[in-house]
Amino acid sequence: MENNTPATFSVASSPHVHSGENTTVIMQDVLIALVPAALMAIVYFGWRTVLLLGVCVSTCVLSEYVCRRVMKRPQTIGDFSAAVTGVLLAFNLPPTFNPLLAALGSVFAIVVAKQMFGGIGMNFVNPAIAARVFLLISFPSQMSRWSIPFFYLSRNADTDAVSTATPLAQMASGGAISASYMDLFIGMRGGCVGETCVLALLLGGGYLLLRRVITPEIPLCFLGTVGVIALLAGQNPLIHLMSGGVMLGAIFMATDYTTCPVNRAGKIIYGIGCGVITMTIRIFGALPEGVSYAILLMNILTPHIETLTQSAPFGKEVA
């Protein structure tokens, strides 16, 4: 007997095949990628690194939990995004930074820069970057006290902890760079706790590329632009690439899913813009470093970049 019952189809928007990845898996991969840099930071700067990581991560997670409860929204602390923000913020702080101020920055990152805009996926700037800029503006002297590696082993640890200048500060003052290329590569220099070891950051970036958590456009365009402008300005591109927070910023912070463009052309423009602003501040600005401000400004421009670079829908003629 012939069945005249019409077939039933399910209609849904793409993608129709799920990759199995979700926010939790992605954030776990980012945390794994940050492990090499965290271990090297602990080796170089000792227990203060552990303290900053503990304070920032715990405060970020607690802030998200309380904020979601107060706003009567579903809990999101299980997706590990707050933990990632805490680690990245700690990585952007000097080793001897006051833990209470680090906690204040963590609250700002989660409550102001993230949850007040709706939570993960809704924030228009990277929360860790926003918190670092907030701390830079509010506590400039504390944010510029740099430690020499292994200062905690010295008998005069309290004095040695703040007795060094970063390579970028030495370059800005017209002095000679005290660190060799190898020192810069393995992290034997002053700086924020998570930005010094280029080798560890590259290992983490390689892991993210292999896991396809990030794509190479933004890091390559960011780093390439920094190197080219340094060369054109008559300065050493290797020193610029291996000093300051450019490696940390290009690999882990400029690539934040929420605050960077999604299409390839937009990512290229975004990465080049980050590099241009970074080098403009480094060469012409009063500050020796400009990575945080560069990423923050390009975060704000991301919606406009996506509008300019969006592709036409299938079947529609391009104007």
C-alpha atoms as a PDB file:
ATOM      1  CA  MET A   1       0.000   0.000   0.000  1.00  0.00           C
ATOM      2  CA  GLU A   2       1.411   3.365  -1.020  1.00  0.00           C
ATOM      3  CA  ASN A   3       2.235   5.769   1.780  1.00  0.00           C
ATOM      4  CA  ASN A   4       1.068   9.292   0.906  1.00  0.00           C
ATOM      5  CA  THR A   5       2.339  10.836   4.143  1.00  0.00           C
ATOM      6  CA  PRO A   6       4.671  13.717   3.256  1.00  0.00           C
ATOM      7  CA  ALA A   7       8.267  13.391   4.363  1.00  0.00           C
ATOM      8  CA  THR A   8       9.313  15.415   7.386  1.00  0.00           C
ATOM      9  CA  PHE A   9      12.552  17.393   7.282  1.00  0.00           C
ATOM     10  CA  SER A  10      14.390  19.304   9.986  1.00  0.00           C
ATOM     11  CA  VAL A  11      15.360  22.838   9.057  1.00  0.00           C
ATOM     12  CA  ALA A  12      18.239  24.477  10.910  1.00  0.00           C
ATOM     13  CA  SER A  13      20.952  27.019  10.284  1.00  0.00           C
ATOM     14  CA  SER A  14      24.497  25.884   9.587  1.00  0.00           C
ATOM     15  CA  PRO A  15      26.787  24.348  10.692  1.00  0.00           C
ATOM     16  CA  HIS A  16      24.973  21.027  10.393  1.00  0.00           C
ATOM     17  CA  VAL A  17      27.901  18.904  11.587  1.00  0.00           C
ATOM     18  CA  HIS A  18      29.322  19.855  14.977  1.00  0.00           C
ATOM     19  CA  SER A  19      33.065  19.600  15.419  1.00  0.00           C
ATOM     20  CA  GLY A  20      32.760  18.504  19.028  1.00  0.00           C
ATOM     21  CA  GLU A  21      34.573  21.604  20.254  1.00  0.00           C
ATOM     22  CA  ASN A  22      32.971  24.050  22.647  1.00  0.00           C
ATOM     23  CA  THR A  23      34.058  26.937  24.825  1.00  0.00           C
ATOM     24  CA  THR A  24      35.194  24.632  27.626  1.00  0.00           C
ATOM     25  CA  VAL A  25      37.435  22.555  25.342  1.00  0.00           C
ATOM     26  CA  ILE A  26      38.927  25.668  23.744  1.00  0.00           C
ATOM     27  CA  MET A  27      39.642  27.332  27.100  1.00  0.00           C
ATOM     28  CA  GLN A  28      41.237  24.126  28.378  1.00  0.00           C
ATOM     29  CA  ASP A  29      43.531  24.124  25.344  1.00  0.00           C
ATOM     30  CA  VAL A  30      44.491  27.740  26.027  1.00  0.00           C
ATOM     31  CA  LEU A  31      45.306  26.899  29.651  1.00  0.00           C
ATOM     32  CA  ILE A  32      47.457  23.969  28.511  1.00  0.00           C
ATOM     33  CA  ALA A  33      49.253  26.262  26.045  1.00  0.00           C
ATOM     34  CA  LEU A  34      49.994  28.723  28.854  1.00  0.00           C
ATOM     35  CA  VAL A  35      51.642  26.067  31.045  1.00  0.00           C
ATOM     36  CA  PRO A  36      55.197  26.371  29.560  1.00  0.00           C
ATOM     37  CA  ALA A  37      55.262  30.142  30.092  1.00  0.00           C
ATOM     38  CA  ALA A  38      53.855  29.727  33.607  1.00  0.00           C
ATOM     39  CA  LEU A  39      56.513  27.184  34.534  1.00  0.00           C
ATOM     40  CA  MET A  40      59.312  29.404  33.241  1.00  0.00           C
ATOM     41  CA  ALA A  41      57.851  32.375  35.100  1.00  0.00           C
ATOM     42  CA  ILE A  42      57.912  30.360  38.334  1.00  0.00           C
ATOM     43  CA  VAL A  43      61.531  29.363  37.669  1.00  0.00           C
ATOM     44  CA  TYR A  44      62.630  32.955  37.021  1.00  0.00           C
ATOM     45  CA  PHE A  45      60.517  34.849  39.557  1.00  0.00           C
ATOM     46  CA  GLY A  46      59.756  32.265  42.214  1.00  0.00           C
ATOM     47  CA  TRP A  47      56.872  32.201  44.662  1.00  0.00           C
ATOM     48  CA  ARG A  48      55.644  35.655  43.673  1.00  0.00           C
ATOM     49  CA  THR A  49      54.536  34.232  40.329  1.00  0.00           C
ATOM     50  CA  VAL A  50      52.550  31.523  42.107  1.00  0.00           C
ATOM     51  CA  LEU A  51      50.999  34.194  44.341  1.00  0.00           C
ATOM     52  CA  LEU A  52      49.949  36.401  41.421  1.00  0.00           C
ATOM     53  CA  LEU A  53      48.546  33.456  39.466  1.00  0.00           C
ATOM     54  CA  GLY A  54      46.605  32.224  42.490  1.00  0.00           C
ATOM     55  CA  VAL A  55      45.194  35.651  43.335  1.00  0.00           C
ATOM     56  CA  CYS A  56      44.218  36.553  39.770  1.00  0.00           C
ATOM     57  CA  VAL A  57      42.666  33.199  38.855  1.00  0.00           C
ATOM     58  CA  SER A  58      40.744  32.776  42.119  1.00  0.00           C
ATOM     59  CA  THR A  59      39.499  36.377  42.076  1.00  0.00           C
ATOM     60  CA  CYS A  60      38.403  36.126  38.452  1.00  0.00           C
ATOM     61  CA  VAL A  61      36.498  32.891  39.053  1.00  0.00           C
ATOM     62  CA  LEU A  62      34.919  34.209  42.268  1.00  0.00           C
ATOM     63  CA  SER A  63      33.978  37.503  40.606  1.00  0.00           C
ATOM     64  CA  GLU A  64      32.285  35.671  37.752  1.00  0.00           C
ATOM     65  CA  TYR A  65      30.410  33.400  40.143  1.00  0.00           C
ATOM     66  CA  VAL A  66      29.139  36.272  42.299  1.00  0.00           C
ATOM     67  CA  CYS A  67      28.347  38.467  39.312  1.00  0.00           C
ATOM     68  CA  ARG A  68      26.307  35.758  37.588  1.00  0.00           C
ATOM     69  CA  ARG A  69      24.421  35.083  40.828  1.00  0.00           C
ATOM     70  CA  VAL A  70      23.621  38.761  41.362  1.00  0.00           C
ATOM     71  CA  MET A  71      22.532  39.179  37.739  1.00  0.00           C
ATOM     72  CA  LYS A  72      20.488  35.959  37.967  1.00  0.00           C
ATOM     73  CA  ARG A  73      22.162  34.449  34.944  1.00  0.00           C
ATOM     74  CA  PRO A  74      23.313  30.852  34.383  1.00  0.00           C
ATOM     75  CA  GLN A  75      26.704  30.066  35.858  1.00  0.00           C
ATOM     76  CA  THR A  76      29.632  30.052  33.406  1.00  0.00           C
ATOM     77  CA  ILE A  77      32.620  29.417  35.677  1.00  0.00           C
ATOM     78  CA  GLY A  78      32.761  25.852  34.370  1.00  0.00           C
ATOM     79  CA  ASP A  79      33.821  26.996  30.893  1.00  0.00           C
ATOM     80  CA  PHE A  80      37.281  28.052  32.245  1.00  0.00           C
ATOM     81  CA  SER A  81      37.142  31.435  30.486  1.00  0.00           C
ATOM     82  CA  ALA A  82      37.451  33.265  33.816  1.00  0.00           C
ATOM     83  CA  ALA A  83      40.503  31.150  34.683  1.00  0.00           C
ATOM     84  CA  VAL A  84      42.100  32.026  31.334  1.00  0.00           C
ATOM     85  CA  THR A  85      41.487  35.723  32.007  1.00  0.00           C
ATOM     86  CA  GLY A  86      43.116  35.361  35.424  1.00  0.00           C
ATOM     87  CA  VAL A  87      46.232  33.669  34.038  1.00  0.00           C
ATOM     88  CA  LEU A  88      46.621  36.222  31.242  1.00  0.00           C
ATOM     89  CA  LEU A  89      46.209  39.129  33.652  1.00  0.00           C
ATOM     90  CA  ALA A  90      48.819  37.655  35.996  1.00  0.00           C
ATOM     91  CA  PHE A  91      51.149  37.211  33.020  1.00  0.00           C
ATOM     92  CA  ASN A  92      50.840  40.956  32.357  1.00  0.00           C
ATOM     93  CA  LEU A  93      51.902  42.067  35.828  1.00  0.00           C
ATOM     94  CA  PRO A  94      55.378  42.718  37.280  1.00  0.00           C
ATOM     95  CA  PRO A  95      56.574  39.945  39.627  1.00  0.00           C
ATOM     96  CA  THR A  96      56.471  42.147  42.749  1.00  0.00           C
ATOM     97  CA  PHE A  97      53.070  43.674  42.006  1.00  0.00           C
ATOM     98  CA  ASN A  98      50.806  44.127  45.016  1.00  0.00           C
ATOM     99  CA  PRO A  99      48.421  41.125  45.214  1.00  0.00           C
ATOM    100  CA  LEU A 100      45.575  43.347  46.454  1.00  0.00           C
ATOM    101  CA  LEU A 101      45.892  45.521  43.363  1.00  0.00           C
ATOM    102  CA  ALA A 102      46.050  42.365  41.244  1.00  0.00           C
ATOM    103  CA  ALA A 103      42.739  41.303  42.813  1.00  0.00           C
ATOM    104  CA  LEU A 104      41.287  44.720  42.003  1.00  0.00           C
ATOM    105  CA  GLY A 105      42.365  44.334  38.387  1.00  0.00           C
ATOM    106  CA  SER A 106      40.808  40.868  38.279  1.00  0.00           C
ATOM    107  CA  VAL A 107      37.456  42.218  39.491  1.00  0.00           C
ATOM    108  CA  PHE A 108      37.625  44.952  36.858  1.00  0.00           C
ATOM    109  CA  ALA A 109      38.390  42.399  34.135  1.00  0.00           C
ATOM    110  CA  ILE A 110      35.430  40.154  34.947  1.00  0.00           C
ATOM    111  CA  VAL A 111      32.778  42.545  36.256  1.00  0.00           C
ATOM    112  CA  VAL A 112      33.383  45.669  34.186  1.00  0.00           C
ATOM    113  CA  ALA A 113      35.006  44.443  30.969  1.00  0.00           C
ATOM    114  CA  LYS A 114      33.127  41.138  30.661  1.00  0.00           C
ATOM    115  CA  GLN A 115      29.944  40.613  32.660  1.00  0.00           C
ATOM    116  CA  MET A 116      28.553  44.141  32.355  1.00  0.00           C
ATOM    117  CA  PHE A 117      28.475  43.556  28.609  1.00  0.00           C
ATOM    118  CA  GLY A 118      26.692  40.210  28.890  1.00  0.00           C
ATOM    119  CA  GLY A 119      29.468  37.719  29.576  1.00  0.00           C
ATOM    120  CA  ILE A 120      31.648  35.633  27.303  1.00  0.00           C
ATOM    121  CA  GLY A 121      31.054  36.339  23.642  1.00  0.00           C
ATOM    122  CA  MET A 122      29.513  39.748  24.348  1.00  0.00           C
ATOM    123  CA  ASN A 123      32.509  41.768  25.594  1.00  0.00           C
ATOM    124  CA  PHE A 124      33.964  44.110  22.986  1.00  0.00           C
ATOM    125  CA  VAL A 125      37.477  44.242  24.488  1.00  0.00           C
ATOM    126  CA  ASN A 126      39.748  41.536  25.866  1.00  0.00           C
ATOM    127  CA  PRO A 127      39.093  41.551  29.652  1.00  0.00           C
ATOM    128  CA  ALA A 128      42.733  40.894  30.609  1.00  0.00           C
ATOM    129  CA  ILE A 129      43.937  43.701  28.320  1.00  0.00           C
ATOM    130  CA  ALA A 130      41.312  46.084  29.685  1.00  0.00           C
ATOM    131  CA  ALA A 131      42.352  45.265  33.252  1.00  0.00           C
ATOM    132  CA  ARG A 132      46.048  45.761  32.479  1.00  0.00           C
ATOM    133  CA  VAL A 133      45.386  49.180  30.926  1.00  0.00           C
ATOM    134  CA  PHE A 134      43.231  50.071  33.953  1.00  0.00           C
ATOM    135  CA  LEU A 135      46.101  49.156  36.289  1.00  0.00           C
ATOM    136  CA  LEU A 136      48.665  50.963  34.114  1.00  0.00           C
ATOM    137  CA  ILE A 137      46.649  54.176  34.288  1.00  0.00           C
ATOM    138  CA  SER A 138      45.747  53.852  37.961  1.00  0.00           C
ATOM    139  CA  PHE A 139      49.045  52.575  39.397  1.00  0.00           C
ATOM    140  CA  PRO A 140      51.818  53.501  36.927  1.00  0.00           C
ATOM    141  CA  SER A 141      54.719  53.281  39.369  1.00  0.00           C
ATOM    142  CA  GLN A 142      53.757  49.844  40.677  1.00  0.00           C
ATOM    143  CA  MET A 143      53.247  48.609  37.105  1.00  0.00           C
ATOM    144  CA  SER A 144      56.781  49.581  36.120  1.00  0.00           C
ATOM    145  CA  ARG A 145      58.828  47.930  38.887  1.00  0.00           C
ATOM    146  CA  TRP A 146      60.786  45.157  37.224  1.00  0.00           C
ATOM    147  CA  SER A 147      62.633  42.214  38.736  1.00  0.00           C
ATOM    148  CA  ILE A 148      65.781  40.472  37.621  1.00  0.00           C
ATOM    149  CA  PRO A 149      65.413  36.710  37.126  1.00  0.00           C
ATOM    150  CA  PHE A 150      66.172  34.641  40.232  1.00  0.00           C
ATOM    151  CA  PHE A 151      65.999  37.728  42.460  1.00  0.00           C
ATOM    152  CA  TYR A 152      64.280  35.602  45.101  1.00  0.00           C
ATOM    153  CA  LEU A 153      67.526  33.648  45.613  1.00  0.00           C
ATOM    154  CA  SER A 154      69.455  36.780  46.587  1.00  0.00           C
ATOM    155  CA  ARG A 155      70.098  37.775  50.185  1.00  0.00           C
ATOM    156  CA  ASN A 156      68.946  41.270  49.264  1.00  0.00           C
ATOM    157  CA  ALA A 157      65.851  40.079  47.438  1.00  0.00           C
ATOM    158  CA  ASP A 158      63.782  43.130  48.354  1.00  0.00           C
ATOM    159  CA  THR A 159      66.355  45.423  46.741  1.00  0.00           C
ATOM    160  CA  ASP A 160      67.241  43.280  43.758  1.00  0.00           C
ATOM    161  CA  ALA A 161      63.577  42.710  42.923  1.00  0.00           C
ATOM    162  CA  VAL A 162      63.240  46.239  41.555  1.00  0.00           C
ATOM    163  CA  SER A 163      66.772  46.916  40.374  1.00  0.00           C
ATOM    164  CA  THR A 164      66.507  46.304  36.637  1.00  0.00           C
ATOM    165  CA  ALA A 165      65.087  47.912  33.509  1.00  0.00           C
ATOM    166  CA  THR A 166      63.426  46.147  30.613  1.00  0.00           C
ATOM    167  CA  PRO A 167      65.221  45.983  27.244  1.00  0.00           C
ATOM    168  CA  LEU A 168      62.605  48.317  25.739  1.00  0.00           C
ATOM    169  CA  ALA A 169      63.201  50.871  28.496  1.00  0.00           C
ATOM    170  CA  GLN A 170      66.946  50.647  27.886  1.00  0.00           C
ATOM    171  CA  MET A 171      66.383  51.145  24.166  1.00  0.00           C
ATOM    172  CA  ALA A 172      64.035  54.099  24.729  1.00  0.00           C
ATOM    173  CA  SER A 173      66.595  55.829  26.928  1.00  0.00           C
ATOM    174  CA  GLY A 174      69.279  55.420  24.275  1.00  0.00           C
ATOM    175  CA  GLY A 175      71.315  52.969  26.301  1.00  0.00           C
ATOM    176  CA  ALA A 176      72.759  49.606  25.325  1.00  0.00           C
ATOM    177  CA  ILE A 177      70.695  46.457  25.704  1.00  0.00           C
ATOM    178  CA  SER A 178      72.191  44.413  28.536  1.00  0.00           C
ATOM    179  CA  ALA A 179      70.587  41.119  27.455  1.00  0.00           C
ATOM    180  CA  SER A 180      71.877  38.953  24.612  1.00  0.00           C
ATOM    181  CA  TYR A 181      69.645  37.399  21.955  1.00  0.00           C
ATOM    182  CA  MET A 182      69.757  34.110  23.823  1.00  0.00           C
ATOM    183  CA  ASP A 183      68.822  35.842  27.077  1.00  0.00           C
ATOM    184  CA  LEU A 184      65.826  37.411  25.360  1.00  0.00           C
ATOM    185  CA  PHE A 185      64.817  34.106  23.788  1.00  0.00           C
ATOM    186  CA  ILE A 186      64.871  32.059  26.987  1.00  0.00           C
ATOM    187  CA  GLY A 187      63.586  34.860  29.235  1.00  0.00           C
ATOM    188  CA  MET A 188      66.638  36.016  31.190  1.00  0.00           C
ATOM    189  CA  ARG A 189      65.480  39.629  31.368  1.00  0.00           C
ATOM    190  CA  GLY A 190      63.201  41.932  33.301  1.00  0.00           C
ATOM    191  CA  GLY A 191      59.541  42.190  32.417  1.00  0.00           C
ATOM    192  CA  CYS A 192      56.077  40.992  33.292  1.00  0.00           C
ATOM    193  CA  VAL A 193      55.991  37.472  34.661  1.00  0.00           C
ATOM    194  CA  GLY A 194      54.552  35.739  31.610  1.00  0.00           C
ATOM    195  CA  GLU A 195      56.063  37.690  28.744  1.00  0.00           C
ATOM    196  CA  THR A 196      59.792  37.116  29.149  1.00  0.00           C
ATOM    197  CA  CYS A 197      60.362  33.582  27.818  1.00  0.00           C
ATOM    198  CA  VAL A 198      59.877  33.688  24.056  1.00  0.00           C
ATOM    199  CA  LEU A 199      60.611  29.965  23.720  1.00  0.00           C
ATOM    200  CA  ALA A 200      57.792  29.019  26.108  1.00  0.00           C
ATOM    201  CA  LEU A 201      55.328  31.335  24.372  1.00  0.00           C
ATOM    202  CA  LEU A 202      56.209  29.889  20.960  1.00  0.00           C
ATOM    203  CA  LEU A 203      55.689  26.371  22.280  1.00  0.00           C
ATOM    204  CA  GLY A 204      52.269  27.369  23.548  1.00  0.00           C
ATOM    205  CA  GLY A 205      51.438  29.073  20.257  1.00  0.00           C
ATOM    206  CA  GLY A 206      52.487  25.991  18.327  1.00  0.00           C
ATOM    207  CA  TYR A 207      50.148  23.875  20.450  1.00  0.00           C
ATOM    208  CA  LEU A 208      47.228  26.224  19.750  1.00  0.00           C
ATOM    209  CA  LEU A 209      47.957  26.091  16.013  1.00  0.00           C
ATOM    210  CA  LEU A 210      48.118  22.295  16.038  1.00  0.00           C
ATOM    211  CA  ARG A 211      44.833  22.147  17.926  1.00  0.00           C
ATOM    212  CA  ARG A 212      43.388  24.720  15.498  1.00  0.00           C
ATOM    213  CA  VAL A 213      42.349  26.936  18.381  1.00  0.00           C
ATOM    214  CA  ILE A 214      43.943  29.889  16.596  1.00  0.00           C
ATOM    215  CA  THR A 215      44.915  30.553  12.991  1.00  0.00           C
ATOM    216  CA  PRO A 216      48.288  32.019  11.978  1.00  0.00           C
ATOM    217  CA  GLU A 217      47.054  35.233  10.309  1.00  0.00           C
ATOM    218  CA  ILE A 218      46.910  37.504  13.354  1.00  0.00           C
ATOM    219  CA  PRO A 219      50.181  36.412  15.059  1.00  0.00           C
ATOM    220  CA  LEU A 220      52.147  36.442  11.788  1.00  0.00           C
ATOM    221  CA  CYS A 221      50.795  39.805  10.647  1.00  0.00           C
ATOM    222  CA  PHE A 222      51.274  41.329  14.106  1.00  0.00           C
ATOM    223  CA  LEU A 223      54.848  40.083  14.514  1.00  0.00           C
ATOM    224  CA  GLY A 224      55.740  40.661  10.875  1.00  0.00           C
ATOM    225  CA  THR A 225      54.575  44.275  11.005  1.00  0.00           C
ATOM    226  CA  VAL A 226      56.584  44.903  14.179  1.00  0.00           C
ATOM    227  CA  GLY A 227      59.711  43.468  12.551  1.00  0.00           C
ATOM    228  CA  VAL A 228      59.304  45.382   9.267  1.00  0.00           C
ATOM    229  CA  ILE A 229      58.664  48.743  10.942  1.00  0.00           C
ATOM    230  CA  ALA A 230      61.613  48.239  13.296  1.00  0.00           C
ATOM    231  CA  LEU A 231      63.814  47.521  10.285  1.00  0.00           C
ATOM    232  CA  LEU A 232      62.539  50.588   8.397  1.00  0.00           C
ATOM    233  CA  ALA A 233      63.130  52.732  11.488  1.00  0.00           C
ATOM    234  CA  GLY A 234      66.751  51.604  11.661  1.00  0.00           C
ATOM    235  CA  GLN A 235      66.246  49.591  14.835  1.00  0.00           C
ATOM    236  CA  ASN A 236      66.915  45.958  15.631  1.00  0.00           C
ATOM    237  CA  PRO A 237      63.798  43.905  14.742  1.00  0.00           C
ATOM    238  CA  LEU A 238      64.877  40.905  16.832  1.00  0.00           C
ATOM    239  CA  ILE A 239      65.084  43.000  19.975  1.00  0.00           C
ATOM    240  CA  HIS A 240      61.640  44.451  19.320  1.00  0.00           C
ATOM    241  CA  LEU A 241      60.170  41.010  18.667  1.00  0.00           C
ATOM    242  CA  MET A 242      61.700  39.341  21.709  1.00  0.00           C
ATOM    243  CA  SER A 243      61.227  42.233  24.153  1.00  0.00           C
ATOM    244  CA  GLY A 244      58.127  43.486  25.887  1.00  0.00           C
ATOM    245  CA  GLY A 245      54.795  41.762  25.528  1.00  0.00           C
ATOM    246  CA  VAL A 246      54.574  41.459  21.761  1.00  0.00           C
ATOM    247  CA  MET A 247      54.877  37.658  21.710  1.00  0.00           C
ATOM    248  CA  LEU A 248      52.362  37.186  24.511  1.00  0.00           C
ATOM    249  CA  GLY A 249      50.017  39.705  22.937  1.00  0.00           C
ATOM    250  CA  ALA A 250      50.252  38.382  19.380  1.00  0.00           C
ATOM    251  CA  ILE A 251      49.765  34.718  20.286  1.00  0.00           C
ATOM    252  CA  PHE A 252      47.404  34.710  23.257  1.00  0.00           C
ATOM    253  CA  MET A 253      45.632  38.064  23.523  1.00  0.00           C
ATOM    254  CA  ALA A 254      45.106  39.512  20.052  1.00  0.00           C
ATOM    255  CA  THR A 255      43.640  36.149  18.972  1.00  0.00           C
ATOM    256  CA  ASP A 256      40.750  36.235  21.449  1.00  0.00           C
ATOM    257  CA  TYR A 257      37.692  34.892  19.584  1.00  0.00           C
ATOM    258  CA  THR A 258      35.259  37.521  20.829  1.00  0.00           C
ATOM    259  CA  THR A 259      37.328  40.605  20.142  1.00  0.00           C
ATOM    260  CA  CYS A 260      39.073  39.838  16.834  1.00  0.00           C
ATOM    261  CA  PRO A 261      37.626  39.564  13.301  1.00  0.00           C
ATOM    262  CA  VAL A 262      36.362  36.191  12.135  1.00  0.00           C
ATOM    263  CA  ASN A 263      37.211  36.367   8.425  1.00  0.00           C
ATOM    264  CA  ARG A 264      40.703  36.021   6.967  1.00  0.00           C
ATOM    265  CA  ALA A 265      40.946  39.493   5.415  1.00  0.00           C
ATOM    266  CA  GLY A 266      39.781  41.064   8.660  1.00  0.00           C
ATOM    267  CA  LYS A 267      42.357  39.121  10.669  1.00  0.00           C
ATOM    268  CA  ILE A 268      45.149  40.316   8.386  1.00  0.00           C
ATOM    269  CA  ILE A 269      44.070  43.966   8.724  1.00  0.00           C
ATOM    270  CA  TYR A 270      43.647  43.516  12.472  1.00  0.00           C
ATOM    271  CA  GLY A 271      47.107  41.980  12.931  1.00  0.00           C
ATOM    272  CA  ILE A 272      48.797  44.665  10.836  1.00  0.00           C
ATOM    273  CA  GLY A 273      46.946  47.371  12.778  1.00  0.00           C
ATOM    274  CA  CYS A 274      48.151  45.926  16.089  1.00  0.00           C
ATOM    275  CA  GLY A 275      51.732  45.957  14.825  1.00  0.00           C
ATOM    276  CA  VAL A 276      51.530  49.513  13.472  1.00  0.00           C
ATOM    277  CA  ILE A 277      50.090  50.946  16.692  1.00  0.00           C
ATOM    278  CA  THR A 278      52.568  49.011  18.835  1.00  0.00           C
ATOM    279  CA  MET A 279      55.560  50.350  16.933  1.00  0.00           C
ATOM    280  CA  THR A 280      54.156  53.878  16.723  1.00  0.00           C
ATOM    281  CA  ILE A 281      53.992  53.977  20.518  1.00  0.00           C
ATOM    282  CA  ARG A 282      57.380  52.310  20.933  1.00  0.00           C
ATOM    283  CA  ILE A 283      59.174  54.668  18.543  1.00  0.00           C
ATOM    284  CA  PHE A 284      57.339  57.972  18.987  1.00  0.00           C
ATOM    285  CA  GLY A 285      55.412  57.637  22.248  1.00  0.00           C
ATOM    286  CA  ALA A 286      56.383  58.490  25.803  1.00  0.00           C
ATOM    287  CA  LEU A 287      55.919  54.865  26.832  1.00  0.00           C
ATOM    288  CA  PRO A 288      58.449  52.162  25.902  1.00  0.00           C
ATOM    289  CA  GLU A 289      55.690  49.593  25.310  1.00  0.00           C
ATOM    290  CA  GLY A 290      52.449  49.786  23.336  1.00  0.00           C
ATOM    291  CA  VAL A 291      51.126  46.238  22.906  1.00  0.00           C
ATOM    292  CA  SER A 292      48.224  46.553  25.358  1.00  0.00           C
ATOM    293  CA  TYR A 293      47.032  49.851  23.905  1.00  0.00           C
ATOM    294  CA  ALA A 294      47.383  48.518  20.366  1.00  0.00           C
ATOM    295  CA  ILE A 295      45.246  45.441  21.034  1.00  0.00           C
ATOM    296  CA  LEU A 296      42.676  47.489  22.965  1.00  0.00           C
ATOM    297  CA  LEU A 297      42.292  49.993  20.112  1.00  0.00           C
ATOM    298  CA  MET A 298      42.030  47.257  17.493  1.00  0.00           C
ATOM    299  CA  ASN A 299      39.419  45.465  19.639  1.00  0.00           C
ATOM    300  CA  ILE A 300      37.305  48.605  19.411  1.00  0.00           C
ATOM    301  CA  LEU A 301      37.777  48.735  15.633  1.00  0.00           C
ATOM    302  CA  THR A 302      36.933  45.043  15.102  1.00  0.00           C
ATOM    303  CA  PRO A 303      33.221  45.601  14.251  1.00  0.00           C
ATOM    304  CA  HIS A 304      34.186  48.149  11.599  1.00  0.00           C
ATOM    305  CA  ILE A 305      36.857  45.850  10.162  1.00  0.00           C
ATOM    306  CA  GLU A 306      34.345  43.022   9.905  1.00  0.00           C
ATOM    307  CA  THR A 307      31.840  45.296   8.184  1.00  0.00           C
ATOM    308  CA  LEU A 308      34.435  46.341   5.600  1.00  0.00           C
ATOM    309  CA  THR A 309      35.718  42.820   4.949  1.00  0.00           C
ATOM    310  CA  GLN A 310      32.564  40.710   5.136  1.00  0.00           C
ATOM    311  CA  SER A 311      31.901  38.526   2.110  1.00  0.00           C
ATOM    312  CA  ALA A 312      28.704  38.725   0.095  1.00  0.00           C
ATOM    313  CA  PRO A 313      26.073  36.031   0.775  1.00  0.00           C
ATOM    314  CA  PHE A 314      25.923  33.181  -1.740  1.00  0.00           C
ATOM    315  CA  GLY A 315      24.050  34.232  -4.843  1.00  0.00           C
ATOM    316  CA  LYS A 316      24.311  37.956  -4.173  1.00  0.00           C
ATOM    317  CA  GLU A 317      26.323  40.203  -6.446  1.00  0.00           C
ATOM    318  CA  VAL A 318      29.182  42.108  -4.880  1.00  0.00           C
ATOM    319  CA  ALA A 319      28.747  45.869  -5.275  1.00  0.00           C
END
